[in-house]
C-alpha atoms as a PDB file:
ATOM      1  CA  MET A   1       9.892   1.109   8.561  1.00  0.00           C
ATOM      2  CA  ALA A   2       7.849   0.693   5.685  1.00  0.00           C
ATOM      3  CA  LEU A   3       6.777  -2.861   6.862  1.00  0.00           C
ATOM      4  CA  ILE A   4       5.714  -1.596  10.047  1.00  0.00           C
ATOM      5  CA  LEU A   5       3.561   1.151   8.453  1.00  0.00           C
ATOM      6  CA  ALA A   6       2.114  -1.802   6.034  1.00  0.00           C
ATOM      7  CA  ALA A   7       1.232  -3.936   8.905  1.00  0.00           C
ATOM      8  CA  LEU A   8      -0.710  -0.984  10.742  1.00  0.00           C
ATOM      9  CA  LEU A   9      -2.508  -0.225   7.562  1.00  0.00           C
ATOM     10  CA  GLY A  10      -3.657  -3.966   7.199  1.00  0.00           C
ATOM     11  CA  ALA A  11      -4.493  -3.909  10.870  1.00  0.00           C
ATOM     12  CA  PHE A  12      -6.773  -0.605  10.335  1.00  0.00           C
ATOM     13  CA  PHE A  13      -8.380  -2.353   7.372  1.00  0.00           C
ATOM     14  CA  CYS A  14      -9.194  -5.354   9.810  1.00  0.00           C
ATOM     15  CA  LEU A  15     -10.628  -2.558  12.229  1.00  0.00           C
ATOM     16  CA  VAL A  16     -12.834  -1.103   9.408  1.00  0.00           C
ATOM     17  CA  GLY A  17     -14.144  -4.311   8.423  1.00  0.00           C
ATOM     18  CA  VAL A  18     -14.954  -5.262  12.001  1.00  0.00           C
ATOM     19  CA  ALA A  19     -17.053  -1.837  12.214  1.00  0.00           C
ATOM     20  CA  MET A  20     -18.876  -2.921   8.798  1.00  0.00           C
ATOM     21  CA  ILE A  21     -20.028  -6.263  10.491  1.00  0.00           C
ATOM     22  CA  TRP A  22     -20.673  -5.076  13.976  1.00  0.00           C
ATOM     23  CA  ALA A  23     -22.481  -1.906  13.192  1.00  0.00           C
ATOM     24  CA  PRO A  24     -23.260  -1.659   9.635  1.00  0.00           C
ATOM     25  CA  GLY A  25     -25.762   1.470   9.861  1.00  0.00           C
ATOM     26  CA  ASN A  26     -22.659   3.272  11.709  1.00  0.00           C
ATOM     27  CA  ALA A  27     -20.488   2.180   9.132  1.00  0.00           C
ATOM     28  CA  VAL A  28     -22.434   3.593   6.191  1.00  0.00           C
ATOM     29  CA  GLN A  29     -22.633   6.634   8.196  1.00  0.00           C
ATOM     30  CA  ALA A  30     -19.046   6.806   8.416  1.00  0.00           C
ATOM     31  CA  PHE A  31     -18.690   5.977   4.680  1.00  0.00           C
ATOM     32  CA  GLY A  32     -20.545   9.226   4.093  1.00  0.00           C
ATOM     33  CA  ILE A  33     -24.081   7.986   3.109  1.00  0.00           C
ATOM     34  CA  ASP A  34     -27.351   8.533   4.808  1.00  0.00           C
ATOM     35  CA  PRO A  35     -28.293   5.011   6.017  1.00  0.00           C
ATOM     36  CA  SER A  36     -32.045   6.034   5.452  1.00  0.00           C
ATOM     37  CA  HIS A  37     -31.204   6.001   1.894  1.00  0.00           C
ATOM     38  CA  MET A  38     -29.752   2.441   1.738  1.00  0.00           C
ATOM     39  CA  ALA A  39     -32.469   0.527   3.712  1.00  0.00           C
ATOM     40  CA  ALA A  40     -32.377  -2.420   1.032  1.00  0.00           C
ATOM     41  CA  ASP A  41     -28.365  -2.260   0.594  1.00  0.00           C
ATOM     42  CA  ILE A  42     -27.334  -2.118   4.226  1.00  0.00           C
ATOM     43  CA  GLY A  43     -27.110  -5.716   4.381  1.00  0.00           C
ATOM     44  CA  LEU A  44     -24.130  -5.694   1.969  1.00  0.00           C
ATOM     45  CA  MET A  45     -22.150  -3.857   4.580  1.00  0.00           C
ATOM     46  CA  PRO A  46     -21.221  -7.017   6.208  1.00  0.00           C
ATOM     47  CA  ALA A  47     -19.982  -8.491   2.962  1.00  0.00           C
ATOM     48  CA  LEU A  48     -17.841  -5.223   2.696  1.00  0.00           C
ATOM     49  CA  GLY A  49     -16.530  -5.973   6.105  1.00  0.00           C
ATOM     50  CA  VAL A  50     -15.495  -9.566   5.316  1.00  0.00           C
ATOM     51  CA  ARG A  51     -13.734  -8.049   2.129  1.00  0.00           C
ATOM     52  CA  ASP A  52     -11.651  -5.274   4.368  1.00  0.00           C
ATOM     53  CA  ILE A  53     -10.749  -7.850   6.997  1.00  0.00           C
ATOM     54  CA  ALA A  54      -9.589 -10.452   4.304  1.00  0.00           C
ATOM     55  CA  LEU A  55      -7.572  -7.820   2.574  1.00  0.00           C
ATOM     56  CA  GLY A  56      -6.170  -6.405   5.953  1.00  0.00           C
ATOM     57  CA  LEU A  57      -5.005  -9.822   6.901  1.00  0.00           C
ATOM     58  CA  ILE A  58      -3.328 -10.271   3.814  1.00  0.00           C
ATOM     59  CA  VAL A  59      -1.331  -7.088   4.101  1.00  0.00           C
ATOM     60  CA  PHE A  60      -0.710  -7.782   7.930  1.00  0.00           C
ATOM     61  CA  GLY A  61       0.428 -11.346   7.234  1.00  0.00           C
ATOM     62  CA  LEU A  62       2.725 -10.463   4.688  1.00  0.00           C
ATOM     63  CA  ALA A  63       4.157  -7.427   6.460  1.00  0.00           C
ATOM     64  CA  VAL A  64       4.787  -9.377   9.560  1.00  0.00           C
ATOM     65  CA  ALA A  65       6.260 -12.152   7.557  1.00  0.00           C
ATOM     66  CA  ARG A  66       8.685  -9.502   6.140  1.00  0.00           C
ATOM     67  CA  GLN A  67       7.673 -10.149   2.731  1.00  0.00           C
ATOM     68  CA  ALA A  68       8.435  -6.638   1.455  1.00  0.00           C
ATOM     69  CA  ARG A  69       8.058  -7.079  -2.208  1.00  0.00           C
ATOM     70  CA  ALA A  70       4.847  -9.140  -2.008  1.00  0.00           C
ATOM     71  CA  THR A  71       3.446  -6.715   0.543  1.00  0.00           C
ATOM     72  CA  GLY A  72       4.136  -3.820  -1.978  1.00  0.00           C
ATOM     73  CA  ALA A  73       2.494  -5.634  -5.009  1.00  0.00           C
ATOM     74  CA  VAL A  74      -0.532  -6.435  -2.947  1.00  0.00           C
ATOM     75  CA  LEU A  75      -0.811  -2.820  -1.679  1.00  0.00           C
ATOM     76  CA  LEU A  76      -0.517  -1.374  -5.204  1.00  0.00           C
ATOM     77  CA  ALA A  77      -3.369  -3.776  -6.021  1.00  0.00           C
ATOM     78  CA  LEU A  78      -5.316  -2.503  -3.088  1.00  0.00           C
ATOM     79  CA  SER A  79      -5.007   0.886  -4.523  1.00  0.00           C
ATOM     80  CA  LEU A  80      -8.182   0.074  -6.509  1.00  0.00           C
ATOM     81  CA  VAL A  81     -10.458  -0.240  -3.536  1.00  0.00           C
ATOM     82  CA  PRO A  82     -10.285   3.594  -2.658  1.00  0.00           C
ATOM     83  CA  LEU A  83     -11.122   4.309  -6.093  1.00  0.00           C
ATOM     84  CA  GLY A  84     -13.904   2.270  -6.279  1.00  0.00           C
ATOM     85  CA  ASP A  85     -15.245   3.216  -3.313  1.00  0.00           C
ATOM     86  CA  PHE A  86     -15.027   7.110  -4.469  1.00  0.00           C
ATOM     87  CA  VAL A  87     -16.873   6.098  -7.291  1.00  0.00           C
ATOM     88  CA  ILE A  88     -19.557   4.296  -5.178  1.00  0.00           C
ATOM     89  CA  ALA A  89     -19.900   7.406  -2.784  1.00  0.00           C
ATOM     90  CA  ALA A  90     -19.691   9.842  -5.396  1.00  0.00           C
ATOM     91  CA  LYS A  91     -23.037   8.651  -6.927  1.00  0.00           C
ATOM     92  CA  SER A  92     -24.686   9.058  -3.714  1.00  0.00           C
ATOM     93  CA  LEU A  93     -22.759  12.372  -2.366  1.00  0.00           C
ATOM     94  CA  GLY A  94     -21.271  13.860  -5.427  1.00  0.00           C
ATOM     95  CA  ALA A  95     -17.647  13.961  -6.173  1.00  0.00           C
ATOM     96  CA  THR A  96     -16.570  16.718  -3.849  1.00  0.00           C
ATOM     97  CA  ALA A  97     -18.186  15.197  -0.743  1.00  0.00           C
ATOM     98  CA  ALA A  98     -16.700  11.706  -1.634  1.00  0.00           C
ATOM     99  CA  VAL A  99     -13.095  12.937  -2.111  1.00  0.00           C
ATOM    100  CA  ARG A 100     -12.253  11.565   1.364  1.00  0.00           C
ATOM    101  CA  HIS A 101     -12.476   8.224   0.194  1.00  0.00           C
ATOM    102  CA  LEU A 102      -9.250   8.794  -1.857  1.00  0.00           C
ATOM    103  CA  ILE A 103      -7.292   9.405   1.468  1.00  0.00           C
ATOM    104  CA  ALA A 104      -5.997   5.847   1.469  1.00  0.00           C
ATOM    105  CA  LEU A 105      -4.943   6.008  -2.252  1.00  0.00           C
ATOM    106  CA  PRO A 106      -1.737   7.771  -1.900  1.00  0.00           C
ATOM    107  CA  VAL A 107      -0.782   5.794   1.052  1.00  0.00           C
ATOM    108  CA  THR A 108      -1.444   2.367  -0.727  1.00  0.00           C
ATOM    109  CA  LEU A 109       0.125   3.671  -3.744  1.00  0.00           C
ATOM    110  CA  ILE A 110       3.351   5.267  -2.224  1.00  0.00           C
ATOM    111  CA  LEU A 111       3.634   2.346   0.500  1.00  0.00           C
ATOM    112  CA  GLY A 112       3.345  -0.263  -2.232  1.00  0.00           C
ATOM    113  CA  LEU A 113       5.804   1.324  -4.452  1.00  0.00           C
ATOM    114  CA  VAL A 114       8.543   1.784  -1.849  1.00  0.00           C
ATOM    115  CA  LEU A 115       7.992  -2.200  -0.751  1.00  0.00           C
ATOM    116  CA  ALA A 116       7.557  -3.278  -4.370  1.00  0.00           C
ATOM    117  CA  ARG A 117      11.012  -1.936  -5.379  1.00  0.00           C
ATOM    118  CA  ARG A 118      12.774  -3.029  -2.444  1.00  0.00           C
ATOM    119  CA  PRO A 119      15.620  -5.311  -3.538  1.00  0.00           C
ATOM    120  CA  THR A 120      15.314  -9.238  -2.497  1.00  0.00           C
END
């Protein structure tokens, strides 16, 4: 079950990445930042999209290959992404408004710990 959840999480990361490439203005708004404040930086969203697609494919690929411990290790490392996104968004929105970026943190930590501790 944990590997299925990890595969779904990887697919979700890929979808988020596609959204950042396909419609960067909408992705910035979904991130919680007013795109009019980011006129010069909105060009960076496709780069973040590629990052999310690559990370999603890694998680998805390891989960589908049934590599539980490797998937868990990657998810634990990926726990840094929501923390970084929170810090970035908090600079623009304030910590209270940016807290939604931490939603993925318990998911990646718990799922990562469950999978990383799985016996081989």
